[in-house]
């Protein structure tokens, strides 16, 4: 859709379309609707990122808790959101060997036990091997570091979901939205 269509949406329409750009967290869309009109998809993404950055620690952890485990129970039961299902499939999470599946289940459990939320990584920008290595490595982080790393991954996921929904002139690489300062989302 065009940005003019996004800007013309009423509150309910906006939530219906953008409510899952941050997994199961329509509050993010609800919070940024008031910043219309958005100049472009980057502006919309920036407002969502600002909202996420301004959340207290408990809110950030809550955003992370709304994500599913990679190749976890919800995936096996076919209960992922359409977006998560496509993202996990693109990363090869549906093609795990029995050993990889067992190893990932153990890592997911260890991560959730340590941090209280699931491991979040932008699956579309990774493959299963990189995801497994990232999970092993990030298990060594502190809670504070992991909340920040997880939130940065949420922002990447959000950027890709926005690019799937909104026309985006000037964004040549669909895998990345750059902030005005040139830094990765």
N, C-alpha and C. Protein backbone atom coordinates (compact mmCIF):
# COMPACT_ATOMS: atom_id res chain seq x y z
N UNK A 1 0.84 -1.17 0.00
CA UNK A 1 0.00 0.00 0.00
C UNK A 1 0.88 1.24 0.00
N UNK A 2 0.30 2.32 -0.43
CA UNK A 2 1.02 3.59 -0.48
C UNK A 2 0.97 4.26 0.90
N UNK A 3 1.94 5.10 1.17
CA UNK A 3 1.97 5.81 2.44
C UNK A 3 0.75 6.72 2.59
N UNK A 4 0.24 7.24 1.51
CA UNK A 4 -0.98 8.06 1.60
C UNK A 4 -2.15 7.23 2.12
N UNK A 5 -2.21 5.97 1.75
CA UNK A 5 -3.27 5.08 2.27
C UNK A 5 -3.07 4.81 3.76
N UNK A 6 -1.83 4.64 4.16
CA UNK A 6 -1.51 4.42 5.58
C UNK A 6 -1.96 5.64 6.39
N UNK A 7 -1.61 6.82 5.90
CA UNK A 7 -1.92 8.05 6.61
C UNK A 7 -3.42 8.34 6.67
N UNK A 8 -4.19 7.78 5.74
CA UNK A 8 -5.64 7.99 5.71
C UNK A 8 -6.39 6.99 6.61
N UNK A 9 -5.69 6.00 7.14
CA UNK A 9 -6.35 4.97 7.96
C UNK A 9 -6.84 5.54 9.28
N UNK A 10 -8.03 5.09 9.68
CA UNK A 10 -8.46 5.42 11.03
C UNK A 10 -7.72 4.49 11.99
N UNK A 11 -7.92 4.75 13.27
CA UNK A 11 -7.20 4.01 14.31
C UNK A 11 -7.39 2.49 14.18
N UNK A 12 -8.62 2.05 14.05
CA UNK A 12 -8.91 0.61 13.99
C UNK A 12 -8.28 -0.04 12.76
N UNK A 13 -8.36 0.64 11.62
CA UNK A 13 -7.74 0.10 10.39
C UNK A 13 -6.22 -0.01 10.56
N UNK A 14 -5.63 1.01 11.15
CA UNK A 14 -4.19 1.03 11.35
C UNK A 14 -3.75 -0.15 12.23
N UNK A 15 -4.48 -0.38 13.32
CA UNK A 15 -4.15 -1.48 14.23
C UNK A 15 -4.33 -2.82 13.51
N UNK A 16 -5.39 -2.94 12.72
CA UNK A 16 -5.63 -4.19 11.99
C UNK A 16 -4.49 -4.52 11.03
N UNK A 17 -3.92 -3.51 10.40
CA UNK A 17 -2.85 -3.73 9.42
C UNK A 17 -1.48 -3.83 10.09
N UNK A 18 -1.19 -2.96 11.05
CA UNK A 18 0.16 -2.85 11.60
C UNK A 18 0.31 -3.44 13.00
N UNK A 19 -0.75 -4.03 13.52
CA UNK A 19 -0.74 -4.53 14.89
C UNK A 19 0.23 -5.66 15.16
N UNK A 20 0.70 -6.34 14.13
CA UNK A 20 1.65 -7.44 14.35
C UNK A 20 3.03 -7.15 13.73
N UNK A 21 3.31 -5.89 13.45
CA UNK A 21 4.67 -5.59 12.97
C UNK A 21 5.67 -5.82 14.08
N UNK A 22 5.22 -5.69 15.33
CA UNK A 22 5.96 -6.18 16.49
C UNK A 22 5.09 -7.31 17.03
N UNK A 23 5.62 -8.51 17.03
CA UNK A 23 4.87 -9.73 17.30
C UNK A 23 3.93 -9.63 18.50
N UNK A 24 2.65 -9.87 18.24
CA UNK A 24 1.61 -9.88 19.29
C UNK A 24 1.64 -8.62 20.15
N UNK A 25 2.01 -7.50 19.57
CA UNK A 25 2.15 -6.28 20.38
C UNK A 25 1.49 -5.11 19.64
N UNK A 26 0.18 -5.19 19.49
CA UNK A 26 -0.54 -4.13 18.80
C UNK A 26 -0.41 -2.79 19.52
N UNK A 27 0.00 -2.82 20.79
CA UNK A 27 0.21 -1.58 21.53
C UNK A 27 1.21 -0.67 20.81
N UNK A 28 2.21 -1.25 20.16
CA UNK A 28 3.19 -0.44 19.43
C UNK A 28 2.51 0.34 18.32
N UNK A 29 1.67 -0.34 17.54
CA UNK A 29 0.95 0.35 16.47
C UNK A 29 0.00 1.38 17.06
N UNK A 30 -0.68 1.02 18.14
CA UNK A 30 -1.61 1.94 18.79
C UNK A 30 -0.90 3.21 19.25
N UNK A 31 0.31 3.05 19.75
CA UNK A 31 1.05 4.19 20.29
C UNK A 31 1.55 5.13 19.20
N UNK A 32 1.84 4.62 18.01
CA UNK A 32 2.43 5.49 16.98
C UNK A 32 1.41 6.05 16.00
N UNK A 33 0.19 5.55 16.01
CA UNK A 33 -0.84 6.03 15.09
C UNK A 33 -0.95 7.56 15.13
N UNK A 34 -0.83 8.11 16.32
CA UNK A 34 -1.01 9.57 16.49
C UNK A 34 0.05 10.40 15.76
N UNK A 35 1.15 9.78 15.33
CA UNK A 35 2.21 10.53 14.65
C UNK A 35 1.97 10.68 13.15
N UNK A 36 0.81 10.19 12.67
CA UNK A 36 0.48 10.41 11.27
C UNK A 36 0.40 11.92 11.02
N UNK A 37 0.70 12.41 9.88
CA UNK A 37 1.09 11.64 8.70
C UNK A 37 2.57 11.26 8.74
N UNK A 38 2.83 10.03 8.34
CA UNK A 38 4.19 9.55 8.25
C UNK A 38 4.76 9.99 6.90
N UNK A 39 5.99 10.46 6.90
CA UNK A 39 6.63 10.89 5.66
C UNK A 39 6.86 9.71 4.73
N UNK A 40 7.29 8.59 5.33
CA UNK A 40 7.60 7.39 4.56
C UNK A 40 7.71 6.22 5.53
N UNK A 41 8.05 5.06 5.01
CA UNK A 41 8.12 3.86 5.85
C UNK A 41 9.22 3.98 6.90
N UNK A 42 10.28 4.70 6.59
CA UNK A 42 11.35 4.91 7.58
C UNK A 42 10.82 5.69 8.78
N UNK A 43 10.03 6.71 8.50
CA UNK A 43 9.47 7.53 9.58
C UNK A 43 8.57 6.67 10.47
N UNK A 44 7.74 5.84 9.87
CA UNK A 44 6.89 4.94 10.65
C UNK A 44 7.74 4.00 11.50
N UNK A 45 8.77 3.43 10.92
CA UNK A 45 9.67 2.53 11.66
C UNK A 45 10.38 3.28 12.79
N UNK A 46 10.84 4.48 12.51
CA UNK A 46 11.52 5.27 13.55
C UNK A 46 10.61 5.53 14.74
N UNK A 47 9.34 5.81 14.49
CA UNK A 47 8.40 6.07 15.59
C UNK A 47 8.18 4.81 16.43
N UNK A 48 8.09 3.66 15.77
CA UNK A 48 7.95 2.40 16.51
C UNK A 48 9.21 2.16 17.34
N UNK A 49 10.37 2.39 16.75
CA UNK A 49 11.63 2.19 17.48
C UNK A 49 11.72 3.13 18.68
N UNK A 50 11.31 4.37 18.52
CA UNK A 50 11.33 5.31 19.65
C UNK A 50 10.42 4.83 20.76
N UNK A 51 9.24 4.34 20.39
CA UNK A 51 8.31 3.83 21.39
C UNK A 51 8.96 2.67 22.15
N UNK A 52 9.57 1.74 21.43
CA UNK A 52 10.22 0.59 22.07
C UNK A 52 11.36 1.04 22.97
N UNK A 53 12.16 1.97 22.50
CA UNK A 53 13.31 2.45 23.29
C UNK A 53 12.87 3.16 24.57
N UNK A 54 11.70 3.79 24.54
CA UNK A 54 11.23 4.53 25.70
C UNK A 54 10.52 3.66 26.74
N UNK A 55 10.30 2.40 26.42
CA UNK A 55 9.65 1.51 27.39
C UNK A 55 10.58 1.25 28.58
N UNK A 56 10.01 1.10 29.76
CA UNK A 56 10.84 0.69 30.90
C UNK A 56 11.30 -0.76 30.69
N UNK A 57 12.23 -1.20 31.50
CA UNK A 57 12.77 -2.55 31.38
C UNK A 57 11.67 -3.61 31.35
N UNK A 58 10.70 -3.50 32.24
CA UNK A 58 9.62 -4.49 32.28
C UNK A 58 8.84 -4.50 30.96
N UNK A 59 8.63 -3.35 30.35
CA UNK A 59 7.94 -3.27 29.06
C UNK A 59 8.74 -3.90 27.94
N UNK A 60 10.04 -3.66 27.95
CA UNK A 60 10.91 -4.26 26.93
C UNK A 60 10.91 -5.78 27.06
N UNK A 61 10.99 -6.25 28.30
CA UNK A 61 10.94 -7.69 28.52
C UNK A 61 9.60 -8.25 28.05
N UNK A 62 8.52 -7.51 28.28
CA UNK A 62 7.20 -7.94 27.83
C UNK A 62 7.12 -8.08 26.32
N UNK A 63 7.72 -7.13 25.60
CA UNK A 63 7.76 -7.22 24.14
C UNK A 63 8.50 -8.49 23.72
N UNK A 64 9.60 -8.78 24.38
CA UNK A 64 10.36 -9.99 24.04
C UNK A 64 9.57 -11.25 24.37
N UNK A 65 8.83 -11.23 25.47
CA UNK A 65 8.02 -12.40 25.84
C UNK A 65 6.90 -12.68 24.85
N UNK A 66 6.51 -11.69 24.06
CA UNK A 66 5.44 -11.93 23.09
C UNK A 66 5.90 -12.71 21.87
N UNK A 67 7.18 -12.95 21.75
CA UNK A 67 7.71 -13.72 20.62
C UNK A 67 7.71 -15.21 20.94
N UNK A 68 7.55 -16.03 19.91
CA UNK A 68 7.58 -17.48 20.11
C UNK A 68 9.01 -18.01 20.14
N UNK A 69 9.18 -19.17 20.74
CA UNK A 69 10.47 -19.87 20.63
C UNK A 69 10.67 -20.26 19.17
N UNK A 70 11.92 -20.20 18.72
CA UNK A 70 12.23 -20.64 17.37
C UNK A 70 12.07 -22.16 17.27
N UNK A 71 11.27 -22.59 16.31
CA UNK A 71 10.99 -24.02 16.09
C UNK A 71 10.49 -24.69 17.37
N UNK A 72 9.76 -23.94 18.16
CA UNK A 72 9.24 -24.44 19.44
C UNK A 72 7.87 -25.07 19.31
N UNK A 73 7.20 -25.18 20.43
CA UNK A 73 5.89 -25.84 20.51
C UNK A 73 4.87 -25.22 19.55
N UNK A 74 4.79 -23.90 19.52
CA UNK A 74 3.81 -23.24 18.65
C UNK A 74 4.07 -23.55 17.18
N UNK A 75 5.33 -23.60 16.80
CA UNK A 75 5.68 -23.94 15.42
C UNK A 75 5.25 -25.37 15.11
N UNK A 76 5.54 -26.27 16.02
CA UNK A 76 5.19 -27.68 15.82
C UNK A 76 3.68 -27.89 15.76
N UNK A 77 2.93 -27.07 16.49
CA UNK A 77 1.47 -27.18 16.50
C UNK A 77 0.81 -26.34 15.40
N UNK A 78 1.62 -25.65 14.59
CA UNK A 78 1.07 -24.82 13.52
C UNK A 78 0.33 -23.59 14.02
N UNK A 79 0.75 -23.07 15.17
CA UNK A 79 0.05 -21.95 15.80
C UNK A 79 0.84 -20.63 15.77
N UNK A 80 1.86 -20.55 14.94
CA UNK A 80 2.59 -19.29 14.81
C UNK A 80 1.76 -18.30 14.02
N UNK A 81 2.03 -17.01 14.20
CA UNK A 81 1.41 -16.01 13.33
C UNK A 81 1.91 -16.29 11.91
N UNK A 82 1.16 -15.82 10.95
CA UNK A 82 1.56 -16.01 9.56
C UNK A 82 2.96 -15.46 9.31
N UNK A 83 3.25 -14.30 9.90
CA UNK A 83 4.56 -13.67 9.71
C UNK A 83 5.67 -14.53 10.30
N UNK A 84 5.49 -15.00 11.54
CA UNK A 84 6.52 -15.82 12.18
C UNK A 84 6.73 -17.13 11.44
N UNK A 85 5.65 -17.70 10.98
CA UNK A 85 5.75 -18.96 10.24
C UNK A 85 6.62 -18.77 8.99
N UNK A 86 6.37 -17.72 8.24
CA UNK A 86 7.13 -17.45 7.03
C UNK A 86 8.60 -17.14 7.37
N UNK A 87 8.82 -16.36 8.42
CA UNK A 87 10.19 -15.99 8.79
C UNK A 87 10.99 -17.19 9.25
N UNK A 88 10.39 -18.05 10.07
CA UNK A 88 11.10 -19.23 10.55
C UNK A 88 11.37 -20.20 9.40
N UNK A 89 10.41 -20.33 8.49
CA UNK A 89 10.61 -21.20 7.33
C UNK A 89 11.77 -20.69 6.47
N UNK A 90 11.83 -19.36 6.27
CA UNK A 90 12.90 -18.77 5.46
C UNK A 90 14.28 -19.04 6.06
N UNK A 91 14.35 -19.14 7.38
CA UNK A 91 15.63 -19.39 8.06
C UNK A 91 15.98 -20.87 8.10
N UNK A 92 15.08 -21.73 7.64
CA UNK A 92 15.35 -23.17 7.65
C UNK A 92 14.97 -23.84 8.95
N UNK A 93 14.18 -23.17 9.79
CA UNK A 93 13.84 -23.76 11.08
C UNK A 93 12.89 -24.94 10.94
N UNK A 94 12.24 -25.07 9.81
CA UNK A 94 11.36 -26.22 9.57
C UNK A 94 12.10 -27.42 9.05
N UNK A 95 13.38 -27.25 8.76
CA UNK A 95 14.20 -28.32 8.18
C UNK A 95 15.25 -28.82 9.14
N UNK A 96 14.98 -28.75 10.44
CA UNK A 96 15.96 -29.20 11.42
C UNK A 96 16.05 -30.72 11.44
N UNK A 97 17.25 -31.21 11.59
CA UNK A 97 17.43 -32.65 11.80
C UNK A 97 16.93 -32.97 13.20
N UNK A 98 16.70 -34.23 13.52
CA UNK A 98 16.28 -34.57 14.88
C UNK A 98 17.28 -34.07 15.94
N UNK A 99 18.59 -34.19 15.65
CA UNK A 99 19.59 -33.71 16.61
C UNK A 99 19.52 -32.19 16.76
N UNK A 100 19.40 -31.47 15.64
CA UNK A 100 19.30 -30.01 15.70
C UNK A 100 18.05 -29.59 16.47
N UNK A 101 16.96 -30.30 16.25
CA UNK A 101 15.72 -30.00 16.95
C UNK A 101 15.87 -30.19 18.46
N UNK A 102 16.53 -31.26 18.87
CA UNK A 102 16.78 -31.52 20.29
C UNK A 102 17.71 -30.47 20.87
N UNK A 103 18.80 -30.18 20.14
CA UNK A 103 19.75 -29.17 20.61
C UNK A 103 19.08 -27.81 20.76
N UNK A 104 18.26 -27.45 19.79
CA UNK A 104 17.58 -26.16 19.84
C UNK A 104 16.59 -26.11 21.01
N UNK A 105 15.88 -27.18 21.25
CA UNK A 105 14.93 -27.23 22.37
C UNK A 105 15.66 -27.02 23.70
N UNK A 106 16.83 -27.65 23.85
CA UNK A 106 17.62 -27.50 25.08
C UNK A 106 18.12 -26.06 25.21
N UNK A 107 18.61 -25.48 24.11
CA UNK A 107 19.10 -24.10 24.13
C UNK A 107 17.95 -23.12 24.42
N UNK A 108 16.81 -23.33 23.77
CA UNK A 108 15.65 -22.46 24.02
C UNK A 108 15.25 -22.51 25.49
N UNK A 109 15.22 -23.71 26.07
CA UNK A 109 14.85 -23.87 27.47
C UNK A 109 15.86 -23.15 28.38
N UNK A 110 17.14 -23.35 28.11
CA UNK A 110 18.19 -22.71 28.92
C UNK A 110 18.10 -21.20 28.84
N UNK A 111 17.88 -20.69 27.64
CA UNK A 111 17.78 -19.24 27.44
C UNK A 111 16.58 -18.69 28.20
N UNK A 112 15.42 -19.31 28.04
CA UNK A 112 14.20 -18.85 28.69
C UNK A 112 14.34 -18.92 30.22
N UNK A 113 14.98 -19.97 30.71
CA UNK A 113 15.20 -20.11 32.15
C UNK A 113 16.09 -18.98 32.68
N UNK A 114 17.11 -18.64 31.93
CA UNK A 114 18.05 -17.61 32.38
C UNK A 114 17.46 -16.21 32.30
N UNK A 115 16.76 -15.90 31.20
CA UNK A 115 16.34 -14.53 30.96
C UNK A 115 14.85 -14.27 31.20
N UNK A 116 14.03 -15.29 31.17
CA UNK A 116 12.60 -15.10 31.39
C UNK A 116 11.81 -14.73 30.15
N UNK A 117 12.44 -14.79 29.00
CA UNK A 117 11.78 -14.53 27.72
C UNK A 117 12.51 -15.37 26.66
N UNK A 118 11.87 -15.59 25.51
CA UNK A 118 12.50 -16.40 24.48
C UNK A 118 13.63 -15.66 23.75
N UNK A 119 14.50 -16.42 23.15
CA UNK A 119 15.56 -15.90 22.29
C UNK A 119 14.91 -15.26 21.07
N UNK A 120 15.23 -14.01 20.80
CA UNK A 120 14.68 -13.30 19.65
C UNK A 120 15.82 -12.93 18.72
N UNK A 121 15.65 -13.33 17.46
CA UNK A 121 16.60 -12.99 16.41
C UNK A 121 15.82 -12.80 15.13
N UNK A 122 16.27 -11.93 14.28
CA UNK A 122 15.61 -11.69 13.00
C UNK A 122 15.89 -12.89 12.10
N UNK A 123 14.97 -13.84 12.12
CA UNK A 123 15.17 -15.11 11.40
C UNK A 123 15.37 -14.90 9.91
N UNK A 124 14.70 -13.95 9.31
CA UNK A 124 14.84 -13.72 7.86
C UNK A 124 16.23 -13.27 7.48
N UNK A 125 16.97 -12.74 8.42
CA UNK A 125 18.33 -12.30 8.12
C UNK A 125 19.37 -13.31 8.58
N UNK A 126 18.92 -14.52 8.93
CA UNK A 126 19.83 -15.56 9.41
C UNK A 126 19.38 -16.92 8.89
N UNK A 127 20.26 -17.87 8.97
CA UNK A 127 19.94 -19.27 8.66
C UNK A 127 20.08 -20.06 9.95
N UNK A 128 19.59 -21.29 9.92
CA UNK A 128 19.51 -22.06 11.17
C UNK A 128 20.87 -22.22 11.86
N UNK A 129 21.94 -22.36 11.12
CA UNK A 129 23.26 -22.52 11.74
C UNK A 129 23.66 -21.25 12.51
N UNK A 130 23.44 -20.10 11.89
CA UNK A 130 23.78 -18.83 12.54
C UNK A 130 22.87 -18.59 13.75
N UNK A 131 21.63 -19.01 13.65
CA UNK A 131 20.70 -18.86 14.77
C UNK A 131 21.16 -19.71 15.96
N UNK A 132 21.54 -20.95 15.68
CA UNK A 132 22.01 -21.83 16.77
C UNK A 132 23.27 -21.26 17.41
N UNK A 133 24.20 -20.78 16.61
CA UNK A 133 25.43 -20.20 17.16
C UNK A 133 25.14 -18.93 17.95
N UNK A 134 24.25 -18.10 17.42
CA UNK A 134 23.88 -16.88 18.12
C UNK A 134 23.24 -17.17 19.46
N UNK A 135 22.42 -18.19 19.51
CA UNK A 135 21.77 -18.58 20.75
C UNK A 135 22.79 -19.05 21.77
N UNK A 136 23.73 -19.87 21.33
CA UNK A 136 24.78 -20.34 22.24
C UNK A 136 25.60 -19.17 22.78
N UNK A 137 25.96 -18.26 21.91
CA UNK A 137 26.78 -17.11 22.30
C UNK A 137 26.02 -16.18 23.24
N UNK A 138 24.77 -15.87 22.88
CA UNK A 138 24.01 -14.90 23.67
C UNK A 138 23.59 -15.44 25.03
N UNK A 139 23.64 -16.74 25.23
CA UNK A 139 23.36 -17.31 26.55
C UNK A 139 24.36 -16.81 27.59
N UNK A 140 25.53 -16.34 27.14
CA UNK A 140 26.57 -15.85 28.04
C UNK A 140 26.37 -14.38 28.44
N UNK A 141 25.39 -13.71 27.86
CA UNK A 141 25.18 -12.29 28.15
C UNK A 141 24.47 -12.09 29.48
N UNK A 142 24.55 -10.85 29.95
CA UNK A 142 23.77 -10.45 31.13
C UNK A 142 22.34 -10.15 30.67
N UNK A 143 21.43 -10.06 31.63
CA UNK A 143 20.04 -9.73 31.32
C UNK A 143 19.95 -8.39 30.60
N UNK A 144 20.66 -7.39 31.09
CA UNK A 144 20.59 -6.06 30.50
C UNK A 144 21.05 -6.07 29.05
N UNK A 145 22.16 -6.75 28.79
CA UNK A 145 22.68 -6.83 27.43
C UNK A 145 21.69 -7.58 26.54
N UNK A 146 21.13 -8.64 27.06
CA UNK A 146 20.24 -9.46 26.25
C UNK A 146 18.91 -8.77 25.95
N UNK A 147 18.41 -7.98 26.88
CA UNK A 147 17.20 -7.20 26.60
C UNK A 147 17.48 -6.25 25.44
N UNK A 148 18.62 -5.58 25.45
CA UNK A 148 18.96 -4.64 24.38
C UNK A 148 19.17 -5.36 23.05
N UNK A 149 19.89 -6.48 23.07
CA UNK A 149 20.12 -7.24 21.83
C UNK A 149 18.79 -7.75 21.28
N UNK A 150 17.95 -8.29 22.16
CA UNK A 150 16.65 -8.78 21.72
C UNK A 150 15.80 -7.67 21.13
N UNK A 151 15.82 -6.50 21.74
CA UNK A 151 15.03 -5.38 21.24
C UNK A 151 15.54 -4.91 19.87
N UNK A 152 16.84 -4.92 19.67
CA UNK A 152 17.38 -4.56 18.36
C UNK A 152 16.92 -5.56 17.29
N UNK A 153 16.83 -6.82 17.67
CA UNK A 153 16.33 -7.83 16.72
C UNK A 153 14.84 -7.61 16.43
N UNK A 154 14.07 -7.22 17.45
CA UNK A 154 12.66 -6.90 17.25
C UNK A 154 12.53 -5.77 16.24
N UNK A 155 13.38 -4.77 16.33
CA UNK A 155 13.34 -3.64 15.39
C UNK A 155 13.64 -4.10 13.96
N UNK A 156 14.57 -5.03 13.81
CA UNK A 156 14.87 -5.56 12.47
C UNK A 156 13.68 -6.33 11.92
N UNK A 157 13.08 -7.16 12.75
CA UNK A 157 11.89 -7.91 12.33
C UNK A 157 10.80 -6.93 11.92
N UNK A 158 10.59 -5.91 12.73
CA UNK A 158 9.58 -4.90 12.44
C UNK A 158 9.85 -4.22 11.10
N UNK A 159 11.11 -3.87 10.85
CA UNK A 159 11.43 -3.18 9.60
C UNK A 159 11.07 -4.03 8.40
N UNK A 160 11.36 -5.31 8.45
CA UNK A 160 11.04 -6.19 7.33
C UNK A 160 9.53 -6.36 7.16
N UNK A 161 8.83 -6.45 8.28
CA UNK A 161 7.37 -6.58 8.20
C UNK A 161 6.74 -5.31 7.63
N UNK A 162 7.28 -4.15 8.00
CA UNK A 162 6.77 -2.90 7.42
C UNK A 162 7.03 -2.85 5.93
N UNK A 163 8.21 -3.28 5.51
CA UNK A 163 8.53 -3.27 4.09
C UNK A 163 7.64 -4.22 3.29
N UNK A 164 7.14 -5.26 3.95
CA UNK A 164 6.20 -6.17 3.29
C UNK A 164 4.84 -5.51 3.08
N UNK A 165 4.52 -4.51 3.90
CA UNK A 165 3.19 -3.90 3.88
C UNK A 165 3.10 -2.59 3.11
N UNK A 166 4.18 -1.82 3.10
CA UNK A 166 4.13 -0.44 2.59
C UNK A 166 5.11 -0.25 1.45
N UNK A 167 4.66 0.45 0.42
CA UNK A 167 5.56 0.83 -0.67
C UNK A 167 6.71 1.64 -0.08
N UNK A 168 7.90 1.45 -0.63
CA UNK A 168 9.07 2.06 0.01
C UNK A 168 10.08 2.54 -1.02
N UNK A 169 9.74 3.63 -1.68
CA UNK A 169 10.68 4.24 -2.61
C UNK A 169 11.95 4.63 -1.88
N UNK A 170 13.08 4.44 -2.53
CA UNK A 170 14.34 4.86 -1.95
C UNK A 170 14.98 3.84 -1.04
N UNK A 171 14.26 2.77 -0.69
CA UNK A 171 14.85 1.70 0.10
C UNK A 171 15.21 0.60 -0.89
N UNK A 172 16.47 0.59 -1.29
CA UNK A 172 16.90 -0.34 -2.34
C UNK A 172 17.03 -1.76 -1.84
N UNK A 173 17.47 -1.93 -0.62
CA UNK A 173 17.65 -3.27 -0.06
C UNK A 173 16.50 -3.55 0.89
N UNK A 174 15.59 -4.45 0.50
CA UNK A 174 14.42 -4.77 1.31
C UNK A 174 14.80 -5.38 2.65
N UNK A 175 16.04 -5.74 2.84
CA UNK A 175 16.44 -6.37 4.09
C UNK A 175 16.92 -5.37 5.13
N UNK A 176 16.83 -4.09 4.83
CA UNK A 176 17.40 -3.12 5.77
C UNK A 176 16.76 -1.76 5.62
N UNK A 177 16.38 -1.19 6.70
CA UNK A 177 15.98 0.21 6.72
C UNK A 177 17.08 0.93 7.50
N UNK A 178 17.64 1.96 6.89
CA UNK A 178 18.66 2.73 7.59
C UNK A 178 18.02 3.91 8.28
N UNK A 179 18.47 4.19 9.46
CA UNK A 179 18.04 5.41 10.15
C UNK A 179 18.73 6.60 9.49
N UNK A 180 18.26 7.77 9.80
CA UNK A 180 18.82 8.98 9.22
C UNK A 180 20.32 9.09 9.49
N UNK A 181 20.79 8.53 10.62
CA UNK A 181 22.20 8.63 10.94
C UNK A 181 23.04 7.53 10.26
N UNK A 182 22.37 6.68 9.44
CA UNK A 182 23.10 5.66 8.71
C UNK A 182 23.28 4.36 9.48
N UNK A 183 22.82 4.30 10.71
CA UNK A 183 22.98 3.08 11.49
C UNK A 183 21.90 2.07 11.16
N UNK A 184 22.24 0.81 11.34
CA UNK A 184 21.30 -0.28 11.13
C UNK A 184 20.10 -0.11 12.04
N UNK A 185 18.96 -0.56 11.60
CA UNK A 185 17.77 -0.51 12.45
C UNK A 185 18.00 -1.47 13.56
